[in-house]
Amino acid sequence: MTWSEVFELLEVGLQETAWMVLVSTLLTLVGGLLVGVLLVLTDKGGLLPLRPLNAVLGLIVNVGRSLPFIILLVAVIPFTRAIVGTTIGTDAAIVPLTIGAIPFFARIVESALREVPADVVAAATAMGATRTQIVGKVLLRESLPGLVAGLTITVIALVGYSAMAGVVGGGGLGDLAIRYGYQRFETDMMIATVVALIVFVQLVQMVGDLLVRRLSHR
């Protein structure tokens, strides 16, 4: 295999990986924020204490975090087929990627929100702020640097997950590494894939760190 062929395949693989990570990140951001906020609000001493709901959410999150992604990938195949209509390709891979990442990010959100000083929340409550205002203008705003840092970690985890999705035909760089680097012993492709993944992750981390620094000094 010539290097021109390697770069041509690599370009397609990068586009597929970027698409999987982008869509699953957006879905994870919405789902993880919702679950994380609910975990904080419904806990004892929270703004909306509902211990049964909190226990159920905590159990679901813990179960989701307990499963290795490669096992989750296979376990949700029927659900993936029902949602997307297939279990092969980048669109199909987005389903398990999102399911695997939401519990991970939800715990990060919960941890970041709990770092907000209780007296800040109490002051907002004393001033007559509603629950919605406290969540949006106090909890989320004050914890924004931590949330961005946590999202950066989640995106990097999704890059790794997307590579594992290539084992079952999920497309992207992982698929190239398996089909060409491993099964066909194309060392050039394996090296190019590894380098591409390293560069991808470094770029994500750099952007995330930059955003955190700016938010921390606003």
N, C-alpha and C. Protein backbone atom coordinates (compact mmCIF):
# COMPACT_ATOMS: atom_id res chain seq x y z
N MET A 1 0.84 -1.20 0.00
CA MET A 1 0.00 0.00 0.00
C MET A 1 0.87 1.25 0.00
N THR A 2 0.61 2.16 -0.95
CA THR A 2 1.40 3.39 -1.06
C THR A 2 0.91 4.41 -0.02
N TRP A 3 1.78 5.39 0.24
CA TRP A 3 1.41 6.41 1.21
C TRP A 3 0.23 7.26 0.74
N SER A 4 0.11 7.45 -0.58
CA SER A 4 -1.04 8.20 -1.09
C SER A 4 -2.34 7.47 -0.78
N GLU A 5 -2.33 6.15 -0.89
CA GLU A 5 -3.51 5.35 -0.54
C GLU A 5 -3.79 5.42 0.96
N VAL A 6 -2.70 5.38 1.74
CA VAL A 6 -2.84 5.47 3.19
C VAL A 6 -3.51 6.80 3.57
N PHE A 7 -3.03 7.90 3.00
CA PHE A 7 -3.58 9.22 3.34
C PHE A 7 -5.02 9.37 2.86
N GLU A 8 -5.33 8.77 1.72
CA GLU A 8 -6.70 8.83 1.22
C GLU A 8 -7.67 8.12 2.16
N LEU A 9 -7.28 6.92 2.61
CA LEU A 9 -8.11 6.17 3.56
C LEU A 9 -8.15 6.87 4.92
N LEU A 10 -7.02 7.46 5.28
CA LEU A 10 -6.93 8.14 6.57
C LEU A 10 -7.86 9.35 6.62
N GLU A 11 -7.97 10.06 5.52
CA GLU A 11 -8.86 11.22 5.46
C GLU A 11 -10.30 10.81 5.70
N VAL A 12 -10.72 9.73 5.07
CA VAL A 12 -12.08 9.23 5.27
C VAL A 12 -12.28 8.77 6.72
N GLY A 13 -11.28 8.06 7.25
CA GLY A 13 -11.36 7.59 8.63
C GLY A 13 -11.45 8.72 9.63
N LEU A 14 -10.69 9.79 9.39
CA LEU A 14 -10.73 10.95 10.28
C LEU A 14 -12.10 11.63 10.24
N GLN A 15 -12.67 11.74 9.04
CA GLN A 15 -13.99 12.35 8.91
C GLN A 15 -15.04 11.53 9.65
N GLU A 16 -14.97 10.21 9.52
CA GLU A 16 -15.93 9.35 10.21
C GLU A 16 -15.77 9.43 11.72
N THR A 17 -14.53 9.43 12.18
CA THR A 17 -14.28 9.54 13.63
C THR A 17 -14.77 10.89 14.16
N ALA A 18 -14.47 11.96 13.42
CA ALA A 18 -14.91 13.29 13.85
C ALA A 18 -16.44 13.37 13.92
N TRP A 19 -17.12 12.76 12.95
CA TRP A 19 -18.58 12.78 12.94
C TRP A 19 -19.14 12.01 14.14
N MET A 20 -18.61 10.81 14.38
CA MET A 20 -19.08 10.02 15.52
C MET A 20 -18.87 10.75 16.83
N VAL A 21 -17.70 11.32 17.00
CA VAL A 21 -17.37 12.00 18.26
C VAL A 21 -18.20 13.27 18.42
N LEU A 22 -18.39 14.02 17.34
CA LEU A 22 -19.16 15.27 17.41
C LEU A 22 -20.61 15.01 17.81
N VAL A 23 -21.27 14.10 17.11
CA VAL A 23 -22.69 13.85 17.39
C VAL A 23 -22.88 13.24 18.79
N SER A 24 -22.05 12.26 19.12
CA SER A 24 -22.19 11.62 20.44
C SER A 24 -21.84 12.60 21.55
N THR A 25 -20.93 13.54 21.30
CA THR A 25 -20.60 14.56 22.30
C THR A 25 -21.79 15.48 22.55
N LEU A 26 -22.45 15.91 21.50
CA LEU A 26 -23.62 16.78 21.66
C LEU A 26 -24.73 16.07 22.42
N LEU A 27 -24.99 14.81 22.07
CA LEU A 27 -26.02 14.04 22.77
C LEU A 27 -25.63 13.78 24.23
N THR A 28 -24.35 13.50 24.44
CA THR A 28 -23.86 13.26 25.80
C THR A 28 -23.93 14.54 26.64
N LEU A 29 -23.64 15.67 26.03
CA LEU A 29 -23.70 16.95 26.73
C LEU A 29 -25.11 17.21 27.27
N VAL A 30 -26.10 16.97 26.42
CA VAL A 30 -27.49 17.19 26.84
C VAL A 30 -27.91 16.16 27.90
N GLY A 31 -27.69 14.89 27.60
CA GLY A 31 -28.10 13.84 28.53
C GLY A 31 -27.33 13.87 29.83
N GLY A 32 -26.02 14.07 29.75
CA GLY A 32 -25.20 14.09 30.95
C GLY A 32 -25.50 15.26 31.86
N LEU A 33 -25.73 16.44 31.25
CA LEU A 33 -26.10 17.62 32.06
C LEU A 33 -27.43 17.38 32.78
N LEU A 34 -28.39 16.84 32.06
CA LEU A 34 -29.70 16.60 32.65
C LEU A 34 -29.62 15.64 33.83
N VAL A 35 -28.94 14.52 33.62
CA VAL A 35 -28.82 13.52 34.69
C VAL A 35 -27.99 14.05 35.84
N GLY A 36 -26.89 14.72 35.54
CA GLY A 36 -26.02 15.26 36.59
C GLY A 36 -26.73 16.28 37.45
N VAL A 37 -27.48 17.19 36.81
CA VAL A 37 -28.23 18.20 37.56
C VAL A 37 -29.29 17.54 38.43
N LEU A 38 -29.98 16.56 37.88
CA LEU A 38 -31.01 15.86 38.66
C LEU A 38 -30.41 15.13 39.86
N LEU A 39 -29.22 14.57 39.69
CA LEU A 39 -28.57 13.88 40.80
C LEU A 39 -28.29 14.84 41.95
N VAL A 40 -27.93 16.07 41.63
CA VAL A 40 -27.65 17.06 42.66
C VAL A 40 -28.94 17.61 43.26
N LEU A 41 -29.89 17.92 42.42
CA LEU A 41 -31.14 18.51 42.91
C LEU A 41 -31.94 17.57 43.78
N THR A 42 -31.97 16.29 43.41
CA THR A 42 -32.83 15.33 44.12
C THR A 42 -32.14 14.67 45.31
N ASP A 43 -30.88 15.02 45.55
CA ASP A 43 -30.18 14.43 46.69
C ASP A 43 -30.67 15.07 47.98
N LYS A 44 -30.36 14.41 49.09
CA LYS A 44 -30.74 14.96 50.40
C LYS A 44 -30.10 16.32 50.60
N GLY A 45 -30.91 17.31 50.94
CA GLY A 45 -30.41 18.66 51.10
C GLY A 45 -30.39 19.45 49.81
N GLY A 46 -30.82 18.84 48.70
CA GLY A 46 -30.85 19.53 47.43
C GLY A 46 -32.06 20.44 47.30
N LEU A 47 -32.17 21.09 46.16
CA LEU A 47 -33.27 22.01 45.94
C LEU A 47 -34.59 21.29 45.69
N LEU A 48 -34.51 20.03 45.28
CA LEU A 48 -35.71 19.25 45.01
C LEU A 48 -35.50 17.82 45.53
N PRO A 49 -35.39 17.65 46.84
CA PRO A 49 -35.03 16.34 47.40
C PRO A 49 -36.08 15.25 47.10
N LEU A 50 -35.68 14.29 46.32
CA LEU A 50 -36.51 13.12 46.00
C LEU A 50 -35.61 11.89 46.05
N ARG A 51 -35.48 11.33 47.22
CA ARG A 51 -34.54 10.24 47.42
C ARG A 51 -34.79 9.03 46.52
N PRO A 52 -36.07 8.62 46.31
CA PRO A 52 -36.29 7.46 45.42
C PRO A 52 -35.77 7.71 44.00
N LEU A 53 -36.07 8.89 43.45
CA LEU A 53 -35.59 9.23 42.11
C LEU A 53 -34.08 9.30 42.07
N ASN A 54 -33.49 9.88 43.10
CA ASN A 54 -32.04 9.99 43.19
C ASN A 54 -31.38 8.61 43.23
N ALA A 55 -31.99 7.69 43.98
CA ALA A 55 -31.44 6.33 44.08
C ALA A 55 -31.52 5.60 42.75
N VAL A 56 -32.63 5.79 42.04
CA VAL A 56 -32.79 5.13 40.72
C VAL A 56 -31.78 5.69 39.72
N LEU A 57 -31.66 7.01 39.68
CA LEU A 57 -30.70 7.64 38.77
C LEU A 57 -29.28 7.20 39.09
N GLY A 58 -28.95 7.18 40.38
CA GLY A 58 -27.61 6.75 40.80
C GLY A 58 -27.32 5.32 40.39
N LEU A 59 -28.33 4.45 40.52
CA LEU A 59 -28.15 3.05 40.13
C LEU A 59 -27.92 2.92 38.63
N ILE A 60 -28.72 3.64 37.85
CA ILE A 60 -28.56 3.59 36.39
C ILE A 60 -27.18 4.08 35.97
N VAL A 61 -26.74 5.18 36.57
CA VAL A 61 -25.42 5.72 36.25
C VAL A 61 -24.32 4.75 36.63
N ASN A 62 -24.43 4.15 37.79
CA ASN A 62 -23.41 3.20 38.24
C ASN A 62 -23.35 1.96 37.36
N VAL A 63 -24.52 1.48 36.94
CA VAL A 63 -24.55 0.32 36.03
C VAL A 63 -23.90 0.68 34.71
N GLY A 64 -24.23 1.87 34.18
CA GLY A 64 -23.64 2.30 32.91
C GLY A 64 -22.13 2.44 32.98
N ARG A 65 -21.63 2.90 34.11
CA ARG A 65 -20.19 3.07 34.26
C ARG A 65 -19.47 1.76 34.56
N SER A 66 -20.22 0.75 34.99
CA SER A 66 -19.60 -0.52 35.36
C SER A 66 -19.27 -1.38 34.14
N LEU A 67 -19.96 -1.15 33.02
CA LEU A 67 -19.77 -2.00 31.85
C LEU A 67 -18.62 -1.51 30.99
N PRO A 68 -17.64 -2.36 30.71
CA PRO A 68 -16.61 -1.99 29.73
C PRO A 68 -17.26 -1.68 28.38
N PHE A 69 -16.74 -0.70 27.66
CA PHE A 69 -17.42 -0.25 26.46
C PHE A 69 -17.57 -1.34 25.41
N ILE A 70 -16.59 -2.20 25.27
CA ILE A 70 -16.67 -3.24 24.25
C ILE A 70 -17.82 -4.20 24.54
N ILE A 71 -18.12 -4.43 25.83
CA ILE A 71 -19.25 -5.28 26.21
C ILE A 71 -20.56 -4.53 25.97
N LEU A 72 -20.60 -3.26 26.34
CA LEU A 72 -21.79 -2.44 26.10
C LEU A 72 -22.09 -2.36 24.61
N LEU A 73 -21.06 -2.26 23.82
CA LEU A 73 -21.19 -2.17 22.36
C LEU A 73 -21.98 -3.35 21.80
N VAL A 74 -21.66 -4.53 22.32
CA VAL A 74 -22.33 -5.74 21.86
C VAL A 74 -23.71 -5.88 22.51
N ALA A 75 -23.82 -5.50 23.78
CA ALA A 75 -25.07 -5.69 24.52
C ALA A 75 -26.22 -4.86 23.95
N VAL A 76 -25.91 -3.69 23.40
CA VAL A 76 -26.98 -2.80 22.91
C VAL A 76 -27.23 -2.96 21.41
N ILE A 77 -26.69 -4.01 20.81
CA ILE A 77 -26.90 -4.22 19.37
C ILE A 77 -28.38 -4.24 18.99
N PRO A 78 -29.24 -4.97 19.72
CA PRO A 78 -30.67 -4.94 19.36
C PRO A 78 -31.27 -3.53 19.44
N PHE A 79 -30.89 -2.78 20.47
CA PHE A 79 -31.39 -1.41 20.61
C PHE A 79 -30.88 -0.53 19.48
N THR A 80 -29.61 -0.70 19.13
CA THR A 80 -29.03 0.07 18.03
C THR A 80 -29.75 -0.22 16.72
N ARG A 81 -30.03 -1.49 16.46
CA ARG A 81 -30.74 -1.87 15.25
C ARG A 81 -32.15 -1.28 15.23
N ALA A 82 -32.79 -1.24 16.39
CA ALA A 82 -34.15 -0.68 16.47
C ALA A 82 -34.16 0.83 16.22
N ILE A 83 -33.10 1.52 16.66
CA ILE A 83 -33.03 2.97 16.51
C ILE A 83 -32.57 3.39 15.12
N VAL A 84 -31.49 2.78 14.64
CA VAL A 84 -30.85 3.21 13.40
C VAL A 84 -31.24 2.34 12.22
N GLY A 85 -31.59 1.08 12.49
CA GLY A 85 -31.93 0.17 11.40
C GLY A 85 -30.78 -0.70 10.97
N THR A 86 -29.60 -0.48 11.55
CA THR A 86 -28.42 -1.28 11.24
C THR A 86 -27.48 -1.26 12.43
N THR A 87 -26.52 -2.16 12.43
CA THR A 87 -25.52 -2.18 13.51
C THR A 87 -24.12 -1.91 12.98
N ILE A 88 -24.02 -1.54 11.72
CA ILE A 88 -22.74 -1.29 11.08
C ILE A 88 -22.69 0.14 10.58
N GLY A 89 -21.54 0.76 10.72
CA GLY A 89 -21.37 2.12 10.22
C GLY A 89 -21.29 3.15 11.33
N THR A 90 -20.99 4.38 10.94
CA THR A 90 -20.77 5.45 11.92
C THR A 90 -22.06 5.83 12.64
N ASP A 91 -23.17 5.88 11.93
CA ASP A 91 -24.43 6.25 12.58
C ASP A 91 -24.82 5.23 13.64
N ALA A 92 -24.60 3.95 13.35
CA ALA A 92 -24.90 2.91 14.32
C ALA A 92 -23.99 3.01 15.54
N ALA A 93 -22.75 3.39 15.32
CA ALA A 93 -21.79 3.48 16.44
C ALA A 93 -22.13 4.61 17.39
N ILE A 94 -22.83 5.63 16.90
CA ILE A 94 -23.17 6.77 17.75
C ILE A 94 -24.06 6.36 18.92
N VAL A 95 -24.92 5.37 18.72
CA VAL A 95 -25.85 4.93 19.77
C VAL A 95 -25.10 4.40 20.99
N PRO A 96 -24.24 3.37 20.86
CA PRO A 96 -23.52 2.90 22.05
C PRO A 96 -22.52 3.92 22.59
N LEU A 97 -21.96 4.75 21.71
CA LEU A 97 -21.05 5.79 22.18
C LEU A 97 -21.77 6.72 23.15
N THR A 98 -22.97 7.13 22.78
CA THR A 98 -23.74 8.04 23.63
C THR A 98 -24.18 7.36 24.92
N ILE A 99 -24.66 6.13 24.80
CA ILE A 99 -25.11 5.40 25.99
C ILE A 99 -23.96 5.19 26.96
N GLY A 100 -22.77 4.93 26.44
CA GLY A 100 -21.62 4.71 27.31
C GLY A 100 -21.08 5.99 27.94
N ALA A 101 -21.24 7.12 27.24
CA ALA A 101 -20.63 8.36 27.72
C ALA A 101 -21.52 9.15 28.67
N ILE A 102 -22.84 9.04 28.54
CA ILE A 102 -23.74 9.83 29.39
C ILE A 102 -23.52 9.57 30.88
N PRO A 103 -23.46 8.30 31.33
CA PRO A 103 -23.20 8.08 32.78
C PRO A 103 -21.87 8.65 33.23
N PHE A 104 -20.86 8.53 32.38
CA PHE A 104 -19.52 9.05 32.69
C PHE A 104 -19.57 10.57 32.88
N PHE A 105 -20.19 11.25 31.95
CA PHE A 105 -20.24 12.71 32.02
C PHE A 105 -21.19 13.17 33.13
N ALA A 106 -22.24 12.41 33.40
CA ALA A 106 -23.19 12.77 34.45
C ALA A 106 -22.50 12.86 35.81
N ARG A 107 -21.61 11.90 36.09
CA ARG A 107 -20.88 11.94 37.36
C ARG A 107 -19.93 13.14 37.42
N ILE A 108 -19.35 13.49 36.27
CA ILE A 108 -18.47 14.66 36.23
C ILE A 108 -19.28 15.92 36.51
N VAL A 109 -20.46 16.01 35.91
CA VAL A 109 -21.35 17.16 36.14
C VAL A 109 -21.74 17.22 37.61
N GLU A 110 -22.13 16.10 38.17
CA GLU A 110 -22.51 16.06 39.59
C GLU A 110 -21.37 16.55 40.47
N SER A 111 -20.16 16.06 40.21
CA SER A 111 -19.00 16.46 41.01
C SER A 111 -18.73 17.96 40.88
N ALA A 112 -18.82 18.49 39.65
CA ALA A 112 -18.56 19.92 39.44
C ALA A 112 -19.60 20.79 40.15
N LEU A 113 -20.85 20.38 40.10
CA LEU A 113 -21.91 21.17 40.74
C LEU A 113 -21.78 21.17 42.26
N ARG A 114 -21.31 20.06 42.80
CA ARG A 114 -21.16 19.98 44.25
C ARG A 114 -20.00 20.84 44.75
N GLU A 115 -19.15 21.29 43.86
CA GLU A 115 -18.04 22.16 44.25
C GLU A 115 -18.48 23.61 44.45
N VAL A 116 -19.69 23.93 43.98
CA VAL A 116 -20.20 25.29 44.17
C VAL A 116 -20.50 25.49 45.65
N PRO A 117 -19.95 26.54 46.28
CA PRO A 117 -20.16 26.77 47.73
C PRO A 117 -21.63 26.84 48.08
N ALA A 118 -22.00 26.21 49.19
CA ALA A 118 -23.40 26.18 49.62
C ALA A 118 -23.92 27.57 49.96
N ASP A 119 -23.03 28.45 50.45
CA ASP A 119 -23.49 29.79 50.82
C ASP A 119 -23.89 30.62 49.60
N VAL A 120 -23.29 30.30 48.43
CA VAL A 120 -23.67 31.00 47.20
C VAL A 120 -25.09 30.62 46.82
N VAL A 121 -25.40 29.33 46.92
CA VAL A 121 -26.76 28.86 46.63
C VAL A 121 -27.74 29.42 47.65
N ALA A 122 -27.33 29.44 48.91
CA ALA A 122 -28.21 29.98 49.96
C ALA A 122 -28.50 31.46 49.74
N ALA A 123 -27.49 32.20 49.31
CA ALA A 123 -27.69 33.63 49.05
C ALA A 123 -28.68 33.85 47.91
N ALA A 124 -28.56 33.05 46.87
CA ALA A 124 -29.48 33.16 45.73
C ALA A 124 -30.90 32.81 46.16
N THR A 125 -31.02 31.79 47.01
CA THR A 125 -32.34 31.41 47.51
C THR A 125 -32.95 32.51 48.36
N ALA A 126 -32.13 33.13 49.20
CA ALA A 126 -32.61 34.21 50.07
C ALA A 126 -33.06 35.42 49.26
N MET A 127 -32.48 35.60 48.08
CA MET A 127 -32.84 36.74 47.22
C MET A 127 -34.08 36.44 46.38
N GLY A 128 -34.65 35.25 46.58
CA GLY A 128 -35.89 34.92 45.89
C GLY A 128 -35.73 34.26 44.54
N ALA A 129 -34.53 33.76 44.23
CA ALA A 129 -34.31 33.10 42.95
C ALA A 129 -35.07 31.77 42.89
N THR A 130 -35.61 31.46 41.71
CA THR A 130 -36.31 30.20 41.53
C THR A 130 -35.31 29.06 41.35
N ARG A 131 -35.80 27.82 41.39
CA ARG A 131 -34.91 26.68 41.18
C ARG A 131 -34.24 26.75 39.81
N THR A 132 -35.01 27.12 38.80
CA THR A 132 -34.45 27.22 37.45
C THR A 132 -33.35 28.27 37.39
N GLN A 133 -33.58 29.41 38.03
CA GLN A 133 -32.57 30.47 38.05
C GLN A 133 -31.32 30.04 38.81
N ILE A 134 -31.51 29.33 39.91
CA ILE A 134 -30.36 28.86 40.70
C ILE A 134 -29.53 27.87 39.89
N VAL A 135 -30.20 26.97 39.18
CA VAL A 135 -29.48 25.99 38.37
C VAL A 135 -28.73 26.67 37.24
N GLY A 136 -29.43 27.54 36.50
CA GLY A 136 -28.82 28.16 35.32
C GLY A 136 -27.82 29.25 35.62
N LYS A 137 -28.14 30.11 36.60
CA LYS A 137 -27.32 31.30 36.84
C LYS A 137 -26.35 31.15 38.01
N VAL A 138 -26.52 30.10 38.80
CA VAL A 138 -25.61 29.90 39.94
C VAL A 138 -24.82 28.61 39.77
N LEU A 139 -25.50 27.48 39.81
CA LEU A 139 -24.80 26.19 39.78
C LEU A 139 -24.01 26.00 38.49
N LEU A 140 -24.68 26.10 37.35
CA LEU A 140 -23.99 25.86 36.07
C LEU A 140 -22.96 26.95 35.76
N ARG A 141 -23.32 28.17 36.07
CA ARG A 141 -22.40 29.28 35.77
C ARG A 141 -21.13 29.21 36.62
N GLU A 142 -21.29 28.95 37.90
CA GLU A 142 -20.14 28.90 38.80
C GLU A 142 -19.25 27.68 38.53
N SER A 143 -19.84 26.62 38.05
CA SER A 143 -19.07 25.38 37.81
C SER A 143 -18.63 25.23 36.37
N LEU A 144 -18.78 26.27 35.55
CA LEU A 144 -18.50 26.18 34.11
C LEU A 144 -17.09 25.71 33.78
N PRO A 145 -16.03 26.24 34.43
CA PRO A 145 -14.69 25.73 34.12
C PRO A 145 -14.55 24.23 34.37
N GLY A 146 -15.11 23.75 35.48
CA GLY A 146 -15.06 22.32 35.77
C GLY A 146 -15.85 21.50 34.78
N LEU A 147 -16.98 22.04 34.33
CA LEU A 147 -17.80 21.34 33.35
C LEU A 147 -17.08 21.23 32.01
N VAL A 148 -16.42 22.30 31.60
CA VAL A 148 -15.67 22.28 30.33
C VAL A 148 -14.50 21.30 30.41
N ALA A 149 -13.81 21.30 31.55
CA ALA A 149 -12.72 20.35 31.75
C ALA A 149 -13.24 18.92 31.70
N GLY A 150 -14.39 18.69 32.34
CA GLY A 150 -14.99 17.36 32.32
C GLY A 150 -15.45 16.96 30.93
N LEU A 151 -15.98 17.91 30.18
CA LEU A 151 -16.41 17.62 28.80
C LEU A 151 -15.20 17.26 27.94
N THR A 152 -14.09 17.94 28.17
CA THR A 152 -12.87 17.63 27.42
C THR A 152 -12.43 16.18 27.68
N ILE A 153 -12.46 15.78 28.94
CA ILE A 153 -12.13 14.40 29.29
C ILE A 153 -13.09 13.43 28.61
N THR A 154 -14.37 13.79 28.58
CA THR A 154 -15.38 12.93 27.97
C THR A 154 -15.17 12.80 26.47
N VAL A 155 -14.84 13.89 25.81
CA VAL A 155 -14.59 13.85 24.36
C VAL A 155 -13.41 12.93 24.05
N ILE A 156 -12.36 13.03 24.86
CA ILE A 156 -11.19 12.17 24.65
C ILE A 156 -11.55 10.70 24.87
N ALA A 157 -12.39 10.46 25.88
CA ALA A 157 -12.86 9.09 26.10
C ALA A 157 -13.67 8.60 24.91
N LEU A 158 -14.48 9.48 24.31
CA LEU A 158 -15.28 9.11 23.15
C LEU A 158 -14.40 8.79 21.94
N VAL A 159 -13.28 9.46 21.82
CA VAL A 159 -12.34 9.12 20.74
C VAL A 159 -11.85 7.69 20.91
N GLY A 160 -11.51 7.32 22.14
CA GLY A 160 -11.10 5.95 22.42
C GLY A 160 -12.23 4.96 22.19
N TYR A 161 -13.44 5.32 22.61
CA TYR A 161 -14.60 4.46 22.39
C TYR A 161 -14.84 4.26 20.90
N SER A 162 -14.72 5.34 20.11
CA SER A 162 -14.97 5.25 18.68
C SER A 162 -13.97 4.32 18.00
N ALA A 163 -12.74 4.30 18.51
CA ALA A 163 -11.75 3.38 17.96
C ALA A 163 -12.14 1.93 18.24
N MET A 164 -12.69 1.68 19.44
CA MET A 164 -13.15 0.33 19.78
C MET A 164 -14.35 -0.07 18.94
N ALA A 165 -15.16 0.91 18.56
CA ALA A 165 -16.34 0.62 17.74
C ALA A 165 -15.92 0.06 16.38
N GLY A 166 -14.70 0.36 15.96
CA GLY A 166 -14.20 -0.17 14.69
C GLY A 166 -14.08 -1.68 14.69
N VAL A 167 -14.02 -2.28 15.87
CA VAL A 167 -13.92 -3.75 15.97
C VAL A 167 -15.16 -4.42 15.40
N VAL A 168 -16.32 -3.77 15.53
CA VAL A 168 -17.57 -4.36 15.03
C VAL A 168 -18.08 -3.59 13.81
N GLY A 169 -17.17 -2.99 13.05
CA GLY A 169 -17.56 -2.32 11.82
C GLY A 169 -18.15 -0.95 12.00
N GLY A 170 -17.72 -0.25 13.06
CA GLY A 170 -18.26 1.07 13.33
C GLY A 170 -17.69 2.18 12.47
N GLY A 171 -16.66 1.85 11.68
CA GLY A 171 -16.04 2.87 10.85
C GLY A 171 -15.02 3.68 11.61
N GLY A 172 -14.46 4.68 10.94
CA GLY A 172 -13.50 5.56 11.59
C GLY A 172 -12.09 4.99 11.63
N LEU A 173 -11.24 5.62 12.43
CA LEU A 173 -9.84 5.23 12.51
C LEU A 173 -9.66 3.84 13.10
N GLY A 174 -10.50 3.48 14.05
CA GLY A 174 -10.41 2.14 14.63
C GLY A 174 -10.66 1.05 13.61
N ASP A 175 -11.62 1.28 12.73
CA ASP A 175 -11.92 0.33 11.66
C ASP A 175 -10.73 0.17 10.72
N LEU A 176 -10.07 1.28 10.40
CA LEU A 176 -8.88 1.21 9.54
C LEU A 176 -7.77 0.41 10.22
N ALA A 177 -7.56 0.67 11.50
CA ALA A 177 -6.51 -0.04 12.23
C ALA A 177 -6.77 -1.54 12.27
N ILE A 178 -8.03 -1.93 12.45
CA ILE A 178 -8.36 -3.36 12.52
C ILE A 178 -8.27 -4.01 11.15
N ARG A 179 -8.91 -3.41 10.14
CA ARG A 179 -8.99 -4.04 8.82
C ARG A 179 -7.66 -4.06 8.08
N TYR A 180 -6.92 -2.96 8.18
CA TYR A 180 -5.67 -2.87 7.42
C TYR A 180 -4.44 -3.14 8.29
N GLY A 181 -4.38 -2.47 9.44
CA GLY A 181 -3.19 -2.63 10.28
C GLY A 181 -3.07 -4.00 10.91
N TYR A 182 -4.21 -4.57 11.36
CA TYR A 182 -4.17 -5.85 12.07
C TYR A 182 -4.43 -7.04 11.15
N GLN A 183 -5.52 -7.01 10.41
CA GLN A 183 -5.90 -8.16 9.59
C GLN A 183 -5.05 -8.31 8.34
N ARG A 184 -4.59 -7.20 7.77
CA ARG A 184 -3.80 -7.26 6.52
C ARG A 184 -2.32 -6.96 6.76
N PHE A 185 -1.95 -6.74 8.00
CA PHE A 185 -0.54 -6.50 8.37
C PHE A 185 0.06 -5.31 7.62
N GLU A 186 -0.75 -4.26 7.43
CA GLU A 186 -0.27 -3.04 6.79
C GLU A 186 0.29 -2.12 7.88
N THR A 187 1.59 -2.24 8.10
CA THR A 187 2.24 -1.48 9.18
C THR A 187 2.11 0.03 8.96
N ASP A 188 2.20 0.46 7.71
CA ASP A 188 2.10 1.89 7.42
C ASP A 188 0.76 2.46 7.87
N MET A 189 -0.30 1.69 7.62
CA MET A 189 -1.63 2.15 8.02
C MET A 189 -1.77 2.17 9.54
N MET A 190 -1.21 1.19 10.21
CA MET A 190 -1.29 1.16 11.66
C MET A 190 -0.56 2.37 12.27
N ILE A 191 0.62 2.66 11.76
CA ILE A 191 1.39 3.80 12.25
C ILE A 191 0.63 5.10 12.00
N ALA A 192 0.09 5.26 10.79
CA ALA A 192 -0.63 6.48 10.44
C ALA A 192 -1.86 6.64 11.32
N THR A 193 -2.55 5.54 11.62
CA THR A 193 -3.74 5.60 12.46
C THR A 193 -3.38 6.03 13.88
N VAL A 194 -2.32 5.45 14.41
CA VAL A 194 -1.88 5.80 15.77
C VAL A 194 -1.51 7.28 15.86
N VAL A 195 -0.76 7.76 14.87
CA VAL A 195 -0.37 9.17 14.86
C VAL A 195 -1.59 10.08 14.76
N ALA A 196 -2.54 9.71 13.89
CA ALA A 196 -3.75 10.51 13.72
C ALA A 196 -4.55 10.59 15.02
N LEU A 197 -4.66 9.48 15.73
CA LEU A 197 -5.39 9.48 17.00
C LEU A 197 -4.70 10.35 18.04
N ILE A 198 -3.37 10.27 18.09
CA ILE A 198 -2.61 11.08 19.04
C ILE A 198 -2.81 12.57 18.76
N VAL A 199 -2.71 12.95 17.49
CA VAL A 199 -2.89 14.36 17.11
C VAL A 199 -4.31 14.82 17.42
N PHE A 200 -5.29 13.97 17.11
CA PHE A 200 -6.70 14.30 17.38
C PHE A 200 -6.92 14.59 18.86
N VAL A 201 -6.42 13.71 19.70
CA VAL A 201 -6.60 13.86 21.14
C VAL A 201 -5.87 15.09 21.66
N GLN A 202 -4.67 15.33 21.16
CA GLN A 202 -3.91 16.50 21.60
C GLN A 202 -4.62 17.79 21.25
N LEU A 203 -5.22 17.84 20.06
CA LEU A 203 -5.96 19.04 19.66
C LEU A 203 -7.17 19.27 20.56
N VAL A 204 -7.89 18.20 20.86
CA VAL A 204 -9.05 18.31 21.76
C VAL A 204 -8.61 18.81 23.13
N GLN A 205 -7.52 18.25 23.66
CA GLN A 205 -7.04 18.65 24.98
C GLN A 205 -6.57 20.11 24.99
N MET A 206 -5.90 20.53 23.94
CA MET A 206 -5.43 21.92 23.85
C MET A 206 -6.60 22.90 23.84
N VAL A 207 -7.61 22.60 23.04
CA VAL A 207 -8.78 23.48 22.97
C VAL A 207 -9.50 23.51 24.32
N GLY A 208 -9.66 22.34 24.92
CA GLY A 208 -10.31 22.27 26.23
C GLY A 208 -9.56 23.05 27.29
N ASP A 209 -8.24 22.89 27.34
CA ASP A 209 -7.43 23.62 28.32
C ASP A 209 -7.52 25.13 28.12
N LEU A 210 -7.52 25.55 26.85
CA LEU A 210 -7.62 26.97 26.54
C LEU A 210 -8.94 27.55 27.03
N LEU A 211 -10.03 26.83 26.78
CA LEU A 211 -11.35 27.29 27.22
C LEU A 211 -11.43 27.35 28.75
N VAL A 212 -10.87 26.36 29.42
CA VAL A 212 -10.90 26.34 30.89
C VAL A 212 -10.13 27.53 31.46
N ARG A 213 -8.96 27.82 30.88
CA ARG A 213 -8.17 28.95 31.37
C ARG A 213 -8.92 30.27 31.18
N ARG A 214 -9.56 30.42 30.06
CA ARG A 214 -10.29 31.67 29.80
C ARG A 214 -11.49 31.82 30.72
N LEU A 215 -12.19 30.72 30.95
CA LEU A 215 -13.35 30.76 31.83
C LEU A 215 -12.96 30.98 33.29
N SER A 216 -11.77 30.49 33.65
CA SER A 216 -11.31 30.62 35.05
C SER A 216 -10.87 32.05 35.37
N HIS A 217 -10.51 32.83 34.33
CA HIS A 217 -10.03 34.20 34.56
C HIS A 217 -11.00 35.25 34.06
N ARG A 218 -12.23 34.85 33.85
CA ARG A 218 -13.21 35.83 33.36
C ARG A 218 -13.61 36.79 34.47
